[in-house]
Amino acid sequence: MPSFNVIPTFNPCIHFVGFKGNEYNSAVKIWGNPDFYHRVHDLRAQAEFMKNDIVIFANGTENKFTPYTFDDSKVF
């Protein structure tokens, strides 16, 4: 009989923030392909960061937070 008291576990997601060109390729070599890519460090990106996720910032991006939201979904 199945147990209904099981707590689901989730693998952490990898987020790349602000990577372009060769920086992106270098990060992929180290971390693998990201689950999420964010062009800028904004409120939309922060809303997608979960407790155990791994967030990798391009050089200096962590200090360049913008209050303006960029809609990444319109680009793809």
N, C-alpha and C. Protein backbone atom coordinates (compact mmCIF):
# COMPACT_ATOMS: atom_id res chain seq x y z
N MET A 1 0.84 -1.16 0.00
CA MET A 1 0.00 0.00 0.00
C MET A 1 0.90 1.25 0.00
N PRO A 2 0.62 2.24 -0.88
CA PRO A 2 1.49 3.41 -0.96
C PRO A 2 1.36 4.30 0.28
N SER A 3 2.43 4.96 0.60
CA SER A 3 2.45 5.88 1.73
C SER A 3 2.13 7.29 1.23
N PHE A 4 1.24 7.97 1.90
CA PHE A 4 0.86 9.32 1.51
C PHE A 4 1.59 10.39 2.33
N ASN A 5 2.53 9.97 3.16
CA ASN A 5 3.28 10.91 3.99
C ASN A 5 4.66 11.18 3.41
N VAL A 6 4.84 10.91 2.13
CA VAL A 6 6.12 11.12 1.49
C VAL A 6 6.27 12.58 1.09
N ILE A 7 7.38 13.17 1.44
CA ILE A 7 7.65 14.55 1.06
C ILE A 7 8.43 14.51 -0.26
N PRO A 8 7.92 15.18 -1.29
CA PRO A 8 8.62 15.16 -2.57
C PRO A 8 9.96 15.88 -2.46
N THR A 9 10.95 15.35 -3.17
CA THR A 9 12.26 16.01 -3.21
C THR A 9 12.50 16.50 -4.63
N PHE A 10 13.15 17.63 -4.73
CA PHE A 10 13.43 18.22 -6.02
C PHE A 10 14.92 18.42 -6.18
N ASN A 11 15.40 18.17 -7.37
CA ASN A 11 16.80 18.47 -7.64
C ASN A 11 16.94 19.98 -7.79
N PRO A 12 18.03 20.53 -7.29
CA PRO A 12 18.21 21.97 -7.47
C PRO A 12 18.39 22.32 -8.95
N CYS A 13 17.89 23.46 -9.35
CA CYS A 13 18.05 23.95 -10.72
C CYS A 13 19.28 24.83 -10.80
N ILE A 14 19.86 24.91 -11.98
CA ILE A 14 21.00 25.78 -12.21
C ILE A 14 20.52 26.99 -13.01
N HIS A 15 20.83 28.18 -12.50
CA HIS A 15 20.47 29.44 -13.14
C HIS A 15 21.74 30.15 -13.57
N PHE A 16 21.80 30.60 -14.80
CA PHE A 16 22.87 31.47 -15.27
C PHE A 16 22.30 32.88 -15.37
N VAL A 17 23.02 33.86 -14.84
CA VAL A 17 22.55 35.24 -14.87
C VAL A 17 23.60 36.12 -15.55
N GLY A 18 23.20 36.77 -16.65
CA GLY A 18 24.04 37.76 -17.30
C GLY A 18 25.16 37.25 -18.18
N PHE A 19 25.17 35.99 -18.51
CA PHE A 19 26.25 35.43 -19.33
C PHE A 19 26.06 35.75 -20.81
N LYS A 20 27.18 36.01 -21.49
CA LYS A 20 27.18 36.25 -22.93
C LYS A 20 28.42 35.61 -23.53
N GLY A 21 28.32 35.19 -24.77
CA GLY A 21 29.47 34.72 -25.55
C GLY A 21 30.33 33.68 -24.87
N ASN A 22 31.63 33.96 -24.81
CA ASN A 22 32.60 32.99 -24.28
C ASN A 22 32.41 32.71 -22.80
N GLU A 23 31.95 33.70 -22.04
CA GLU A 23 31.66 33.48 -20.62
C GLU A 23 30.61 32.38 -20.46
N TYR A 24 29.58 32.44 -21.30
CA TYR A 24 28.51 31.43 -21.25
C TYR A 24 29.08 30.05 -21.57
N ASN A 25 29.88 29.96 -22.64
CA ASN A 25 30.46 28.68 -23.03
C ASN A 25 31.36 28.11 -21.94
N SER A 26 32.12 28.96 -21.29
CA SER A 26 32.99 28.51 -20.19
C SER A 26 32.16 27.99 -19.02
N ALA A 27 31.07 28.69 -18.70
CA ALA A 27 30.21 28.26 -17.60
C ALA A 27 29.56 26.91 -17.91
N VAL A 28 29.16 26.69 -19.15
CA VAL A 28 28.56 25.41 -19.55
C VAL A 28 29.57 24.28 -19.39
N LYS A 29 30.82 24.54 -19.71
CA LYS A 29 31.86 23.51 -19.55
C LYS A 29 32.00 23.09 -18.10
N ILE A 30 31.82 24.04 -17.19
CA ILE A 30 31.99 23.74 -15.76
C ILE A 30 30.71 23.20 -15.13
N TRP A 31 29.58 23.83 -15.38
CA TRP A 31 28.33 23.52 -14.70
C TRP A 31 27.35 22.69 -15.53
N GLY A 32 27.58 22.58 -16.84
CA GLY A 32 26.61 21.94 -17.72
C GLY A 32 25.59 22.97 -18.16
N ASN A 33 24.65 22.57 -18.97
CA ASN A 33 23.63 23.50 -19.46
C ASN A 33 22.73 23.96 -18.31
N PRO A 34 22.39 25.24 -18.30
CA PRO A 34 21.53 25.74 -17.22
C PRO A 34 20.08 25.31 -17.41
N ASP A 35 19.37 25.23 -16.31
CA ASP A 35 17.93 24.99 -16.38
C ASP A 35 17.20 26.29 -16.71
N PHE A 36 17.78 27.41 -16.27
CA PHE A 36 17.22 28.73 -16.52
C PHE A 36 18.34 29.68 -16.92
N TYR A 37 18.04 30.57 -17.85
CA TYR A 37 18.98 31.61 -18.25
C TYR A 37 18.29 32.96 -18.08
N HIS A 38 18.93 33.86 -17.39
CA HIS A 38 18.38 35.19 -17.15
C HIS A 38 19.36 36.21 -17.73
N ARG A 39 18.90 37.06 -18.61
CA ARG A 39 19.77 38.07 -19.21
C ARG A 39 20.25 39.08 -18.19
N VAL A 40 19.38 39.44 -17.26
CA VAL A 40 19.72 40.42 -16.24
C VAL A 40 19.30 39.93 -14.86
N HIS A 41 19.90 40.52 -13.83
CA HIS A 41 19.54 40.20 -12.45
C HIS A 41 18.40 41.15 -12.06
N ASP A 42 17.16 40.66 -12.17
CA ASP A 42 15.99 41.48 -11.91
C ASP A 42 15.02 40.74 -11.00
N LEU A 43 13.89 41.37 -10.72
CA LEU A 43 12.88 40.76 -9.84
C LEU A 43 12.34 39.45 -10.41
N ARG A 44 12.20 39.39 -11.72
CA ARG A 44 11.69 38.17 -12.35
C ARG A 44 12.66 37.01 -12.12
N ALA A 45 13.95 37.27 -12.28
CA ALA A 45 14.95 36.23 -12.03
C ALA A 45 14.92 35.81 -10.56
N GLN A 46 14.90 36.78 -9.66
CA GLN A 46 14.89 36.45 -8.24
C GLN A 46 13.67 35.64 -7.84
N ALA A 47 12.54 35.88 -8.48
CA ALA A 47 11.32 35.13 -8.17
C ALA A 47 11.46 33.66 -8.54
N GLU A 48 12.34 33.37 -9.49
CA GLU A 48 12.53 31.98 -9.94
C GLU A 48 13.61 31.25 -9.15
N PHE A 49 14.39 31.96 -8.34
CA PHE A 49 15.40 31.30 -7.53
C PHE A 49 14.72 30.61 -6.34
N MET A 50 14.87 29.31 -6.24
CA MET A 50 14.32 28.57 -5.12
C MET A 50 15.42 28.28 -4.09
N LYS A 51 15.03 27.82 -2.94
CA LYS A 51 15.93 27.67 -1.79
C LYS A 51 17.22 26.91 -2.12
N ASN A 52 17.16 25.79 -2.76
CA ASN A 52 18.35 24.97 -2.99
C ASN A 52 18.95 25.12 -4.38
N ASP A 53 18.45 26.07 -5.16
CA ASP A 53 18.97 26.26 -6.51
C ASP A 53 20.39 26.80 -6.49
N ILE A 54 21.09 26.57 -7.59
CA ILE A 54 22.44 27.07 -7.78
C ILE A 54 22.36 28.22 -8.76
N VAL A 55 22.77 29.40 -8.31
CA VAL A 55 22.71 30.60 -9.15
C VAL A 55 24.13 31.03 -9.46
N ILE A 56 24.47 31.09 -10.74
CA ILE A 56 25.81 31.46 -11.18
C ILE A 56 25.71 32.77 -11.93
N PHE A 57 26.43 33.77 -11.43
CA PHE A 57 26.42 35.10 -12.02
C PHE A 57 27.65 35.29 -12.91
N ALA A 58 27.46 35.96 -14.04
CA ALA A 58 28.59 36.37 -14.86
C ALA A 58 29.37 37.42 -14.07
N ASN A 59 30.59 37.68 -14.46
CA ASN A 59 31.44 38.65 -13.74
C ASN A 59 30.72 39.96 -13.47
N GLY A 60 30.55 40.30 -12.19
CA GLY A 60 29.96 41.57 -11.80
C GLY A 60 28.46 41.66 -11.86
N THR A 61 27.79 40.66 -12.39
CA THR A 61 26.33 40.72 -12.54
C THR A 61 25.60 40.73 -11.21
N GLU A 62 26.14 40.06 -10.20
CA GLU A 62 25.46 40.01 -8.90
C GLU A 62 25.33 41.39 -8.28
N ASN A 63 26.18 42.33 -8.69
CA ASN A 63 26.13 43.69 -8.17
C ASN A 63 25.36 44.64 -9.07
N LYS A 64 24.74 44.12 -10.13
CA LYS A 64 24.02 44.96 -11.09
C LYS A 64 22.53 44.64 -11.10
N PHE A 65 21.92 44.60 -9.92
CA PHE A 65 20.48 44.34 -9.84
C PHE A 65 19.72 45.51 -10.45
N THR A 66 18.68 45.20 -11.21
CA THR A 66 17.83 46.24 -11.78
C THR A 66 16.40 46.04 -11.31
N PRO A 67 15.73 47.11 -10.91
CA PRO A 67 14.33 46.99 -10.49
C PRO A 67 13.38 46.81 -11.67
N TYR A 68 13.89 47.00 -12.88
CA TYR A 68 13.07 46.85 -14.08
C TYR A 68 13.13 45.40 -14.55
N THR A 69 11.99 44.84 -14.87
CA THR A 69 11.91 43.44 -15.25
C THR A 69 12.06 43.27 -16.75
N PHE A 70 12.89 42.31 -17.14
CA PHE A 70 13.09 41.96 -18.55
C PHE A 70 12.34 40.67 -18.82
N ASP A 71 11.48 40.65 -19.82
CA ASP A 71 10.69 39.46 -20.15
C ASP A 71 11.50 38.54 -21.06
N ASP A 72 12.25 37.62 -20.45
CA ASP A 72 13.07 36.67 -21.19
C ASP A 72 12.25 35.81 -22.15
N SER A 73 11.00 35.52 -21.79
CA SER A 73 10.20 34.61 -22.59
C SER A 73 9.86 35.16 -23.97
N LYS A 74 9.92 36.46 -24.15
CA LYS A 74 9.62 37.05 -25.46
C LYS A 74 10.77 36.89 -26.45
N VAL A 75 11.95 36.55 -25.95
CA VAL A 75 13.13 36.44 -26.79
C VAL A 75 13.18 35.10 -27.49
N PHE A 76 12.66 34.06 -26.86
CA PHE A 76 12.80 32.71 -27.41
C PHE A 76 11.64 32.32 -28.28
